Amino acid sequence: MPSDLNSSARLRLWGVRGSIPVPGPSTLRYGGNTTCVEFRADGEIIVLDAGSGIRALGNELEREFKSKPIHVTMLSTHAHWDHIQGLPFFLPGYSEKNSLRLLGYKGVGGSFGAILSRQMAVPFFPVRLRDLPCDLSIQELTDMEFRIGPVRVRSRFVNHPGNCVGYRLDAGSGSVAFVPDNEPYEFRKLHAEACARATPEQARKFAVTERAKLVEFLEGADILFLDAQYTDEEYQQHIGWGHGSLTTSVDLAVDAKVKQLLLFHHDPNHDDDTVDEMVERAREIARDRRSKLKVDAAREGAEFLLNGR
């Protein structure tokens, strides 16, 4: 990727898998690394999640910038392991010339910084997070809208166990929505804590309202990364697990009038051929809805350019 940060917004995908890395011959085309997406716009390098894919991103940044300083802001959706497990292996963090800013929300088990630090604490890792020689900043977010340089960032809590958010980034040349973990908001599929004291009618109204808010949040995005981990048949065996199904994901993208949907958070049991089949089925669903939505599966190494046209 070119080092000119001031041109059109660029995306590069470094990890697209959910749950656990699955390298091997059956995942070569879509990739086996867990969640990590690089977004460059308006002079900023923004990294969405720090799954195992962030290791290769860090190596590439060091090759690109050489002796020049690297300034990275990472947005964390939540602290499940597949979204943070690559952070200890992010090479720019080990150089004094670089700065690394980590942003995220309070988790169920403690503050954002404390949760990140645990996976690098003894006996799990030989280097503590706070001992990284880079200029390290850890910020626990409270606002749901803020800026990273000129880039406008909005966040929204989604339907996934624990505290988990999706992000929307609006730059001068385009917009990206990133919702890697989210379960459909149908009332019967809400997590127990969300409707423990609700009547069926109250739960239904809650689900309708929350889905409408999510549609509004995503509306008109140029590219939407959306959890579509399960086929419709698989989802029936995974209700309450916090992940999306194919039809509900396409329907959400259609209702939000996004331009391009990237099926994301591929199940570790899905090989490349299975993902191919899911893409074809998703395109059929979009055609059945009489939508012009473009549908693809997120593919490790893929790059996208947003130029405002």
Foldseek 3Di string as FASTA:
>chain_A
DDPPLAAFKKKAWQAFAADAFDDDDQAVWFHRWFGWMWIGYRHATEIEFQALSLLVVLVVVCVNQVPAEEEYEYEYQAVDCRRQVNVVNRVSLQDQRYEYEYEEAQKPVGRPVVSNQVCCDPPNHDATSVRRNYNYHYDHDDDQWDDDVQKTKGWDFAQAPITGIKIWIDHPQFIETEAAWHEQLQLVLGACVVDVPHDSVRSRVVSVVVLVVVLQVLAAGQEYEAFAAEEPVVVVVVRNNGTYHLLRVLVSCQSSVHAEYAHGNYYSPDGPVNQVVSQVVSVVSCVVVVHNYHYYHRGHGDMDTGGND
